[in-house]
Amino acid sequence: MVEVPKLEMAEVIEIVNSYAAEARAAAHDEHKGYPLLAEVVGGTADAFPAVRLTELQSLAGEAYEVFVAAEAGSDVAGPVNALLAPAAPTPTCTSEGGIEWEVHKGADTLRASIAIALLDWLHTRGAERLGTCHGTRCGDAFADLSPSGRKIYCSNGCLNRHKVAEHRRRARSA
């Protein structure tokens, strides 16, 4: 059995937004190159075996479906279970009473890490705190940590671009 490294939700979002074809297309980033996985997940990259770009894109696309389903108010269990099933992570109890996850094949660690991070988020914060950006030229996934839980843009940059576009639209029509 191989231990599954823990990913933070911010790292999952970076993977999704960097490699998922749908998110890249919405942002018109198809022509841009792809970052190395080590640039996206930082210090935990060594814990994952080499992953081909096509596999990474497919995995990010599957994870993106969780954010799309959450945004639409649909059931997220299907996409999360679709991520979990191929890796079949097994929980184990640590001597301190915590939980660690393991998979049979090292090649499944990244899939399991992403799925477990999403599962943990859904369990602790709920699907209503996941979504995709409402920005004009953006479709990035985001996780809402705001106190009100009403975030609809992935970043302040997208929010500001939206406000500027609305201001210009109103100025043209006046």
N, C-alpha and C. Protein backbone atom coordinates (compact mmCIF):
# COMPACT_ATOMS: atom_id res chain seq x y z
N MET A 1 0.84 -1.18 0.00
CA MET A 1 0.00 0.00 0.00
C MET A 1 0.89 1.26 0.00
N VAL A 2 0.40 2.28 -0.67
CA VAL A 2 1.13 3.53 -0.81
C VAL A 2 0.33 4.64 -0.12
N GLU A 3 0.99 5.42 0.73
CA GLU A 3 0.31 6.51 1.43
C GLU A 3 -0.07 7.62 0.45
N VAL A 4 -1.25 8.17 0.64
CA VAL A 4 -1.75 9.26 -0.20
C VAL A 4 -1.38 10.58 0.45
N PRO A 5 -0.61 11.43 -0.24
CA PRO A 5 -0.26 12.73 0.33
C PRO A 5 -1.48 13.66 0.40
N LYS A 6 -1.49 14.52 1.40
CA LYS A 6 -2.61 15.45 1.59
C LYS A 6 -2.40 16.67 0.69
N LEU A 7 -3.45 17.03 -0.03
CA LEU A 7 -3.46 18.25 -0.81
C LEU A 7 -4.42 19.24 -0.17
N GLU A 8 -4.06 20.49 -0.18
CA GLU A 8 -4.95 21.55 0.28
C GLU A 8 -5.89 21.89 -0.86
N MET A 9 -7.05 22.44 -0.55
CA MET A 9 -8.01 22.79 -1.59
C MET A 9 -7.42 23.79 -2.58
N ALA A 10 -6.59 24.70 -2.11
CA ALA A 10 -5.97 25.67 -3.02
C ALA A 10 -5.11 24.96 -4.07
N GLU A 11 -4.46 23.88 -3.70
CA GLU A 11 -3.64 23.11 -4.64
C GLU A 11 -4.54 22.37 -5.64
N VAL A 12 -5.65 21.84 -5.18
CA VAL A 12 -6.59 21.17 -6.07
C VAL A 12 -7.11 22.16 -7.10
N ILE A 13 -7.46 23.35 -6.65
CA ILE A 13 -7.97 24.39 -7.55
C ILE A 13 -6.91 24.78 -8.57
N GLU A 14 -5.67 24.89 -8.13
CA GLU A 14 -4.59 25.21 -9.06
C GLU A 14 -4.43 24.13 -10.12
N ILE A 15 -4.53 22.87 -9.71
CA ILE A 15 -4.44 21.76 -10.67
C ILE A 15 -5.59 21.87 -11.67
N VAL A 16 -6.79 22.04 -11.17
CA VAL A 16 -7.97 22.12 -12.04
C VAL A 16 -7.85 23.29 -13.01
N ASN A 17 -7.53 24.47 -12.51
CA ASN A 17 -7.48 25.65 -13.36
C ASN A 17 -6.29 25.65 -14.31
N SER A 18 -5.23 24.94 -13.96
CA SER A 18 -4.05 24.89 -14.82
C SER A 18 -4.15 23.85 -15.93
N TYR A 19 -4.91 22.77 -15.69
CA TYR A 19 -4.90 21.65 -16.63
C TYR A 19 -6.25 21.28 -17.23
N ALA A 20 -7.36 21.65 -16.64
CA ALA A 20 -8.67 21.27 -17.18
C ALA A 20 -8.95 22.05 -18.45
N ALA A 21 -9.24 21.36 -19.53
CA ALA A 21 -9.46 21.99 -20.84
C ALA A 21 -10.60 22.99 -20.80
N GLU A 22 -11.69 22.67 -20.11
CA GLU A 22 -12.85 23.56 -20.07
C GLU A 22 -12.53 24.88 -19.36
N ALA A 23 -11.82 24.82 -18.25
CA ALA A 23 -11.44 26.04 -17.53
C ALA A 23 -10.48 26.88 -18.37
N ARG A 24 -9.53 26.22 -19.02
CA ARG A 24 -8.56 26.95 -19.86
C ARG A 24 -9.25 27.58 -21.06
N ALA A 25 -10.23 26.89 -21.65
CA ALA A 25 -10.95 27.42 -22.81
C ALA A 25 -11.78 28.65 -22.41
N ALA A 26 -12.43 28.59 -21.27
CA ALA A 26 -13.25 29.72 -20.81
C ALA A 26 -12.40 30.97 -20.60
N ALA A 27 -11.17 30.77 -20.19
CA ALA A 27 -10.26 31.89 -19.95
C ALA A 27 -9.43 32.23 -21.19
N HIS A 28 -9.68 31.52 -22.30
CA HIS A 28 -8.93 31.70 -23.54
C HIS A 28 -7.43 31.47 -23.32
N ASP A 29 -7.12 30.46 -22.53
CA ASP A 29 -5.73 30.12 -22.20
C ASP A 29 -5.23 28.89 -22.95
N GLU A 30 -5.96 28.44 -23.98
CA GLU A 30 -5.57 27.21 -24.67
C GLU A 30 -4.17 27.30 -25.29
N HIS A 31 -3.78 28.50 -25.69
CA HIS A 31 -2.49 28.69 -26.35
C HIS A 31 -1.32 28.75 -25.36
N LYS A 32 -1.61 28.94 -24.10
CA LYS A 32 -0.55 29.04 -23.10
C LYS A 32 0.00 27.66 -22.76
N GLY A 33 1.23 27.62 -22.35
CA GLY A 33 1.84 26.37 -21.94
C GLY A 33 1.30 25.91 -20.59
N TYR A 34 1.67 24.70 -20.23
CA TYR A 34 1.23 24.14 -18.96
C TYR A 34 2.36 24.23 -17.95
N PRO A 35 2.03 24.58 -16.70
CA PRO A 35 3.08 24.60 -15.67
C PRO A 35 3.47 23.17 -15.28
N LEU A 36 4.63 23.03 -14.70
CA LEU A 36 5.01 21.74 -14.15
C LEU A 36 4.17 21.48 -12.91
N LEU A 37 3.88 20.22 -12.65
CA LEU A 37 3.08 19.89 -11.46
C LEU A 37 3.74 20.42 -10.19
N ALA A 38 5.07 20.39 -10.15
CA ALA A 38 5.79 20.88 -8.98
C ALA A 38 5.53 22.36 -8.73
N GLU A 39 5.29 23.13 -9.80
CA GLU A 39 4.99 24.55 -9.64
C GLU A 39 3.59 24.76 -9.08
N VAL A 40 2.71 23.81 -9.32
CA VAL A 40 1.32 23.94 -8.92
C VAL A 40 1.10 23.45 -7.49
N VAL A 41 1.71 22.33 -7.13
CA VAL A 41 1.47 21.76 -5.79
C VAL A 41 2.65 21.94 -4.84
N GLY A 42 3.69 22.57 -5.27
CA GLY A 42 4.81 22.88 -4.39
C GLY A 42 5.53 21.66 -3.85
N GLY A 43 5.75 21.65 -2.55
CA GLY A 43 6.55 20.63 -1.89
C GLY A 43 5.99 19.22 -1.95
N THR A 44 4.70 19.06 -2.20
CA THR A 44 4.14 17.71 -2.24
C THR A 44 4.35 17.03 -3.58
N ALA A 45 4.89 17.73 -4.57
CA ALA A 45 5.05 17.16 -5.92
C ALA A 45 5.90 15.90 -5.91
N ASP A 46 6.90 15.84 -5.03
CA ASP A 46 7.77 14.66 -4.98
C ASP A 46 7.01 13.41 -4.53
N ALA A 47 5.90 13.58 -3.86
CA ALA A 47 5.12 12.45 -3.38
C ALA A 47 4.31 11.78 -4.48
N PHE A 48 4.20 12.45 -5.64
CA PHE A 48 3.44 11.90 -6.75
C PHE A 48 4.38 11.38 -7.82
N PRO A 49 4.08 10.19 -8.35
CA PRO A 49 4.91 9.68 -9.44
C PRO A 49 4.70 10.55 -10.68
N ALA A 50 5.59 10.42 -11.64
CA ALA A 50 5.48 11.20 -12.87
C ALA A 50 4.12 10.94 -13.52
N VAL A 51 3.45 12.01 -13.87
CA VAL A 51 2.14 11.92 -14.50
C VAL A 51 2.24 12.58 -15.87
N ARG A 52 1.79 11.87 -16.90
CA ARG A 52 1.81 12.44 -18.24
C ARG A 52 0.80 13.57 -18.33
N LEU A 53 1.08 14.52 -19.19
CA LEU A 53 0.21 15.69 -19.34
C LEU A 53 -1.22 15.28 -19.71
N THR A 54 -1.38 14.32 -20.59
CA THR A 54 -2.73 13.90 -20.98
C THR A 54 -3.49 13.33 -19.79
N GLU A 55 -2.82 12.59 -18.93
CA GLU A 55 -3.46 12.05 -17.73
C GLU A 55 -3.84 13.18 -16.78
N LEU A 56 -2.95 14.14 -16.63
CA LEU A 56 -3.19 15.28 -15.75
C LEU A 56 -4.38 16.11 -16.26
N GLN A 57 -4.46 16.30 -17.57
CA GLN A 57 -5.57 17.04 -18.15
C GLN A 57 -6.89 16.29 -17.91
N SER A 58 -6.88 15.00 -18.10
CA SER A 58 -8.08 14.19 -17.89
C SER A 58 -8.52 14.23 -16.43
N LEU A 59 -7.58 14.07 -15.52
CA LEU A 59 -7.87 14.09 -14.09
C LEU A 59 -8.40 15.47 -13.67
N ALA A 60 -7.78 16.54 -14.16
CA ALA A 60 -8.24 17.89 -13.85
C ALA A 60 -9.65 18.13 -14.41
N GLY A 61 -9.92 17.58 -15.59
CA GLY A 61 -11.25 17.70 -16.17
C GLY A 61 -12.30 17.00 -15.33
N GLU A 62 -11.96 15.83 -14.81
CA GLU A 62 -12.89 15.12 -13.94
C GLU A 62 -13.16 15.91 -12.66
N ALA A 63 -12.11 16.48 -12.09
CA ALA A 63 -12.28 17.28 -10.88
C ALA A 63 -13.07 18.55 -11.16
N TYR A 64 -12.88 19.14 -12.33
CA TYR A 64 -13.61 20.34 -12.71
C TYR A 64 -15.11 20.08 -12.71
N GLU A 65 -15.51 18.86 -13.06
CA GLU A 65 -16.93 18.51 -13.09
C GLU A 65 -17.58 18.64 -11.71
N VAL A 66 -16.80 18.46 -10.66
CA VAL A 66 -17.33 18.65 -9.30
C VAL A 66 -17.72 20.12 -9.10
N PHE A 67 -16.86 21.02 -9.54
CA PHE A 67 -17.12 22.46 -9.40
C PHE A 67 -18.30 22.90 -10.27
N VAL A 68 -18.38 22.34 -11.48
CA VAL A 68 -19.49 22.65 -12.39
C VAL A 68 -20.81 22.18 -11.79
N ALA A 69 -20.82 20.96 -11.26
CA ALA A 69 -22.03 20.43 -10.64
C ALA A 69 -22.44 21.27 -9.43
N ALA A 70 -21.47 21.66 -8.63
CA ALA A 70 -21.76 22.49 -7.45
C ALA A 70 -22.33 23.83 -7.88
N GLU A 71 -21.76 24.43 -8.91
CA GLU A 71 -22.23 25.73 -9.42
C GLU A 71 -23.68 25.63 -9.91
N ALA A 72 -24.01 24.51 -10.54
CA ALA A 72 -25.36 24.31 -11.08
C ALA A 72 -26.35 23.89 -10.01
N GLY A 73 -25.87 23.62 -8.81
CA GLY A 73 -26.74 23.15 -7.75
C GLY A 73 -27.10 21.68 -7.91
N SER A 74 -26.35 20.98 -8.73
CA SER A 74 -26.58 19.55 -8.96
C SER A 74 -25.90 18.72 -7.89
N ASP A 75 -26.18 17.45 -7.91
CA ASP A 75 -25.57 16.51 -6.97
C ASP A 75 -24.09 16.33 -7.32
N VAL A 76 -23.21 16.56 -6.37
CA VAL A 76 -21.77 16.42 -6.61
C VAL A 76 -21.26 15.03 -6.28
N ALA A 77 -22.12 14.19 -5.72
CA ALA A 77 -21.68 12.85 -5.33
C ALA A 77 -21.19 12.05 -6.53
N GLY A 78 -21.87 12.14 -7.64
CA GLY A 78 -21.48 11.38 -8.84
C GLY A 78 -20.08 11.70 -9.30
N PRO A 79 -19.76 12.99 -9.54
CA PRO A 79 -18.40 13.32 -9.98
C PRO A 79 -17.32 12.99 -8.93
N VAL A 80 -17.63 13.16 -7.66
CA VAL A 80 -16.64 12.83 -6.62
C VAL A 80 -16.42 11.32 -6.58
N ASN A 81 -17.50 10.57 -6.63
CA ASN A 81 -17.36 9.11 -6.63
C ASN A 81 -16.63 8.61 -7.87
N ALA A 82 -16.83 9.28 -9.01
CA ALA A 82 -16.12 8.91 -10.24
C ALA A 82 -14.62 9.14 -10.08
N LEU A 83 -14.24 10.14 -9.32
CA LEU A 83 -12.82 10.38 -9.03
C LEU A 83 -12.27 9.34 -8.06
N LEU A 84 -13.05 9.04 -7.05
CA LEU A 84 -12.60 8.11 -6.01
C LEU A 84 -12.48 6.66 -6.49
N ALA A 85 -13.44 6.20 -7.26
CA ALA A 85 -13.54 4.77 -7.60
C ALA A 85 -12.28 4.16 -8.22
N PRO A 86 -11.68 4.76 -9.25
CA PRO A 86 -10.51 4.12 -9.85
C PRO A 86 -9.32 3.99 -8.89
N ALA A 87 -9.18 4.93 -7.97
CA ALA A 87 -8.04 4.89 -7.04
C ALA A 87 -8.33 4.00 -5.84
N ALA A 88 -9.58 3.88 -5.46
CA ALA A 88 -10.02 3.07 -4.32
C ALA A 88 -9.18 3.31 -3.07
N PRO A 89 -9.11 4.57 -2.60
CA PRO A 89 -8.32 4.82 -1.40
C PRO A 89 -8.93 4.15 -0.17
N THR A 90 -8.06 3.69 0.71
CA THR A 90 -8.47 3.01 1.93
C THR A 90 -8.06 3.84 3.13
N PRO A 91 -9.01 4.17 4.02
CA PRO A 91 -8.62 4.92 5.21
C PRO A 91 -7.98 3.99 6.24
N THR A 92 -6.98 4.51 6.92
CA THR A 92 -6.35 3.77 8.02
C THR A 92 -6.23 4.70 9.21
N CYS A 93 -6.30 4.13 10.38
CA CYS A 93 -6.19 4.90 11.61
C CYS A 93 -4.73 4.98 12.02
N THR A 94 -4.29 6.19 12.36
CA THR A 94 -2.92 6.36 12.84
C THR A 94 -2.88 6.09 14.34
N SER A 95 -1.68 5.97 14.88
CA SER A 95 -1.53 5.72 16.31
C SER A 95 -2.02 6.91 17.15
N GLU A 96 -2.05 8.11 16.52
CA GLU A 96 -2.55 9.30 17.22
C GLU A 96 -4.06 9.45 17.10
N GLY A 97 -4.70 8.53 16.39
CA GLY A 97 -6.15 8.59 16.23
C GLY A 97 -6.59 9.36 14.99
N GLY A 98 -5.66 9.75 14.16
CA GLY A 98 -6.00 10.46 12.93
C GLY A 98 -6.30 9.47 11.81
N ILE A 99 -6.56 10.01 10.64
CA ILE A 99 -6.85 9.18 9.47
C ILE A 99 -5.81 9.45 8.41
N GLU A 100 -5.26 8.38 7.86
CA GLU A 100 -4.40 8.46 6.68
C GLU A 100 -5.08 7.63 5.59
N TRP A 101 -4.76 7.95 4.36
CA TRP A 101 -5.33 7.23 3.23
C TRP A 101 -4.22 6.51 2.49
N GLU A 102 -4.56 5.34 1.95
CA GLU A 102 -3.59 4.56 1.18
C GLU A 102 -4.26 4.05 -0.09
N VAL A 103 -3.44 3.83 -1.12
CA VAL A 103 -3.91 3.23 -2.36
C VAL A 103 -3.01 2.05 -2.69
N HIS A 104 -3.49 1.17 -3.56
CA HIS A 104 -2.71 -0.01 -3.92
C HIS A 104 -1.56 0.32 -4.87
N LYS A 105 -1.80 1.27 -5.78
CA LYS A 105 -0.79 1.61 -6.78
C LYS A 105 -0.33 3.05 -6.60
N GLY A 106 0.96 3.28 -6.68
CA GLY A 106 1.50 4.62 -6.57
C GLY A 106 0.97 5.56 -7.64
N ALA A 107 0.61 5.02 -8.80
CA ALA A 107 0.09 5.84 -9.89
C ALA A 107 -1.26 6.48 -9.53
N ASP A 108 -1.93 5.96 -8.53
CA ASP A 108 -3.24 6.48 -8.13
C ASP A 108 -3.18 7.56 -7.05
N THR A 109 -1.99 7.92 -6.60
CA THR A 109 -1.89 8.85 -5.47
C THR A 109 -2.43 10.23 -5.79
N LEU A 110 -2.15 10.77 -6.97
CA LEU A 110 -2.64 12.11 -7.29
C LEU A 110 -4.16 12.12 -7.41
N ARG A 111 -4.72 11.13 -8.09
CA ARG A 111 -6.17 11.02 -8.20
C ARG A 111 -6.81 10.95 -6.81
N ALA A 112 -6.25 10.09 -5.97
CA ALA A 112 -6.80 9.93 -4.62
C ALA A 112 -6.65 11.22 -3.81
N SER A 113 -5.52 11.90 -3.93
CA SER A 113 -5.30 13.15 -3.19
C SER A 113 -6.32 14.20 -3.57
N ILE A 114 -6.59 14.34 -4.85
CA ILE A 114 -7.57 15.32 -5.33
C ILE A 114 -8.96 14.94 -4.83
N ALA A 115 -9.33 13.68 -4.99
CA ALA A 115 -10.66 13.23 -4.58
C ALA A 115 -10.87 13.37 -3.08
N ILE A 116 -9.86 13.04 -2.31
CA ILE A 116 -9.99 13.13 -0.84
C ILE A 116 -10.09 14.58 -0.39
N ALA A 117 -9.34 15.47 -1.03
CA ALA A 117 -9.43 16.90 -0.69
C ALA A 117 -10.84 17.43 -0.99
N LEU A 118 -11.39 17.03 -2.12
CA LEU A 118 -12.76 17.44 -2.45
C LEU A 118 -13.77 16.83 -1.48
N LEU A 119 -13.58 15.57 -1.17
CA LEU A 119 -14.47 14.88 -0.22
C LEU A 119 -14.43 15.57 1.14
N ASP A 120 -13.24 15.91 1.60
CA ASP A 120 -13.10 16.59 2.89
C ASP A 120 -13.78 17.96 2.86
N TRP A 121 -13.58 18.71 1.76
CA TRP A 121 -14.21 20.02 1.63
C TRP A 121 -15.73 19.89 1.68
N LEU A 122 -16.26 18.95 0.92
CA LEU A 122 -17.71 18.76 0.88
C LEU A 122 -18.26 18.37 2.24
N HIS A 123 -17.52 17.55 2.95
CA HIS A 123 -17.95 17.10 4.28
C HIS A 123 -17.94 18.25 5.29
N THR A 124 -16.92 19.09 5.24
CA THR A 124 -16.79 20.15 6.24
C THR A 124 -17.46 21.46 5.86
N ARG A 125 -17.51 21.78 4.56
CA ARG A 125 -18.02 23.09 4.17
C ARG A 125 -19.23 23.04 3.24
N GLY A 126 -19.39 21.96 2.51
CA GLY A 126 -20.55 21.80 1.65
C GLY A 126 -20.31 22.21 0.21
N ALA A 127 -21.14 21.68 -0.67
CA ALA A 127 -21.02 21.92 -2.11
C ALA A 127 -21.34 23.37 -2.47
N GLU A 128 -22.18 24.02 -1.67
CA GLU A 128 -22.54 25.41 -1.99
C GLU A 128 -21.36 26.36 -1.90
N ARG A 129 -20.24 25.90 -1.36
CA ARG A 129 -19.05 26.74 -1.26
C ARG A 129 -18.04 26.44 -2.38
N LEU A 130 -18.47 25.68 -3.39
CA LEU A 130 -17.64 25.43 -4.57
C LEU A 130 -18.35 26.03 -5.77
N GLY A 131 -17.60 26.44 -6.77
CA GLY A 131 -18.23 26.99 -7.96
C GLY A 131 -17.25 27.29 -9.06
N THR A 132 -17.78 27.89 -10.13
CA THR A 132 -16.95 28.36 -11.23
C THR A 132 -17.17 29.85 -11.39
N CYS A 133 -16.15 30.53 -11.81
CA CYS A 133 -16.15 31.99 -11.88
C CYS A 133 -17.20 32.50 -12.87
N HIS A 134 -17.87 33.58 -12.48
CA HIS A 134 -18.87 34.22 -13.33
C HIS A 134 -18.26 35.31 -14.19
N GLY A 135 -16.95 35.45 -14.14
CA GLY A 135 -16.27 36.46 -14.94
C GLY A 135 -16.47 36.24 -16.43
N THR A 136 -16.40 37.32 -17.19
CA THR A 136 -16.66 37.28 -18.62
C THR A 136 -15.72 36.34 -19.37
N ARG A 137 -14.46 36.44 -19.12
CA ARG A 137 -13.49 35.59 -19.81
C ARG A 137 -12.84 34.62 -18.84
N CYS A 138 -13.63 34.02 -18.00
CA CYS A 138 -13.08 33.12 -17.00
C CYS A 138 -14.08 32.01 -16.69
N GLY A 139 -13.56 30.88 -16.37
CA GLY A 139 -14.39 29.76 -15.95
C GLY A 139 -13.67 28.98 -14.87
N ASP A 140 -12.72 29.64 -14.21
CA ASP A 140 -11.91 28.97 -13.20
C ASP A 140 -12.76 28.47 -12.04
N ALA A 141 -12.32 27.36 -11.49
CA ALA A 141 -12.95 26.80 -10.29
C ALA A 141 -12.50 27.60 -9.08
N PHE A 142 -13.35 27.66 -8.08
CA PHE A 142 -12.96 28.30 -6.82
C PHE A 142 -13.64 27.63 -5.65
N ALA A 143 -13.07 27.82 -4.48
CA ALA A 143 -13.65 27.38 -3.21
C ALA A 143 -13.86 28.63 -2.38
N ASP A 144 -15.05 28.81 -1.91
CA ASP A 144 -15.45 30.04 -1.21
C ASP A 144 -15.17 29.93 0.28
N LEU A 145 -14.24 30.75 0.75
CA LEU A 145 -13.94 30.83 2.17
C LEU A 145 -14.46 32.14 2.78
N SER A 146 -15.23 32.90 2.00
CA SER A 146 -15.72 34.18 2.49
C SER A 146 -16.72 33.96 3.62
N PRO A 147 -16.82 34.93 4.54
CA PRO A 147 -17.77 34.78 5.66
C PRO A 147 -19.22 34.64 5.20
N SER A 148 -19.59 35.36 4.12
CA SER A 148 -20.98 35.31 3.67
C SER A 148 -21.29 34.09 2.82
N GLY A 149 -20.27 33.48 2.23
CA GLY A 149 -20.49 32.32 1.39
C GLY A 149 -21.20 32.64 0.09
N ARG A 150 -20.98 33.84 -0.44
CA ARG A 150 -21.69 34.26 -1.65
C ARG A 150 -20.73 34.64 -2.77
N LYS A 151 -19.57 34.08 -2.78
CA LYS A 151 -18.56 34.40 -3.78
C LYS A 151 -19.00 33.88 -5.15
N ILE A 152 -18.81 34.70 -6.20
CA ILE A 152 -19.12 34.24 -7.55
C ILE A 152 -17.96 34.48 -8.53
N TYR A 153 -16.88 35.06 -8.06
CA TYR A 153 -15.70 35.29 -8.90
C TYR A 153 -14.52 34.56 -8.28
N CYS A 154 -13.62 34.09 -9.13
CA CYS A 154 -12.49 33.31 -8.63
C CYS A 154 -11.46 34.19 -7.92
N SER A 155 -11.42 35.47 -8.28
CA SER A 155 -10.40 36.35 -7.71
C SER A 155 -10.90 37.79 -7.73
N ASN A 156 -10.17 38.66 -7.04
CA ASN A 156 -10.49 40.08 -7.08
C ASN A 156 -10.25 40.65 -8.47
N GLY A 157 -9.29 40.06 -9.19
CA GLY A 157 -9.02 40.51 -10.56
C GLY A 157 -10.25 40.33 -11.45
N CYS A 158 -10.89 39.17 -11.37
CA CYS A 158 -12.10 38.92 -12.16
C CYS A 158 -13.24 39.83 -11.72
N LEU A 159 -13.38 40.03 -10.43
CA LEU A 159 -14.41 40.93 -9.91
C LEU A 159 -14.19 42.34 -10.44
N ASN A 160 -12.96 42.82 -10.38
CA ASN A 160 -12.64 44.17 -10.86
C ASN A 160 -12.87 44.30 -12.36
N ARG A 161 -12.47 43.28 -13.16
CA ARG A 161 -12.72 43.33 -14.60
C ARG A 161 -14.21 43.40 -14.89
N HIS A 162 -15.00 42.66 -14.12
CA HIS A 162 -16.45 42.70 -14.29
C HIS A 162 -16.99 44.10 -13.98
N LYS A 163 -16.55 44.70 -12.89
CA LYS A 163 -17.03 46.03 -12.51
C LYS A 163 -16.65 47.07 -13.57
N VAL A 164 -15.43 46.99 -14.09
CA VAL A 164 -14.99 47.93 -15.13
C VAL A 164 -15.82 47.75 -16.39
N ALA A 165 -16.06 46.50 -16.78
CA ALA A 165 -16.87 46.23 -17.98
C ALA A 165 -18.28 46.76 -17.81
N GLU A 166 -18.87 46.57 -16.63
CA GLU A 166 -20.21 47.09 -16.37
C GLU A 166 -20.23 48.61 -16.39
N HIS A 167 -19.22 49.24 -15.82
CA HIS A 167 -19.12 50.70 -15.83
C HIS A 167 -19.04 51.22 -17.27
N ARG A 168 -18.21 50.59 -18.08
CA ARG A 168 -18.07 51.01 -19.48
C ARG A 168 -19.36 50.78 -20.26
N ARG A 169 -20.05 49.66 -20.00
CA ARG A 169 -21.31 49.38 -20.67
C ARG A 169 -22.34 50.46 -20.32
N ARG A 170 -22.43 50.82 -19.05
CA ARG A 170 -23.38 51.87 -18.63
C ARG A 170 -23.01 53.21 -19.25
N ALA A 171 -21.71 53.51 -19.32
CA ALA A 171 -21.27 54.79 -19.88
C ALA A 171 -21.60 54.87 -21.38
N ARG A 172 -21.47 53.76 -22.11
CA ARG A 172 -21.79 53.75 -23.55
C ARG A 172 -23.29 53.94 -23.77
N SER A 173 -24.11 53.35 -22.92
CA SER A 173 -25.56 53.43 -23.12
C SER A 173 -26.15 54.75 -22.61
N ALA A 174 -25.38 55.53 -21.88
CA ALA A 174 -25.89 56.81 -21.33
C ALA A 174 -25.75 57.94 -22.33
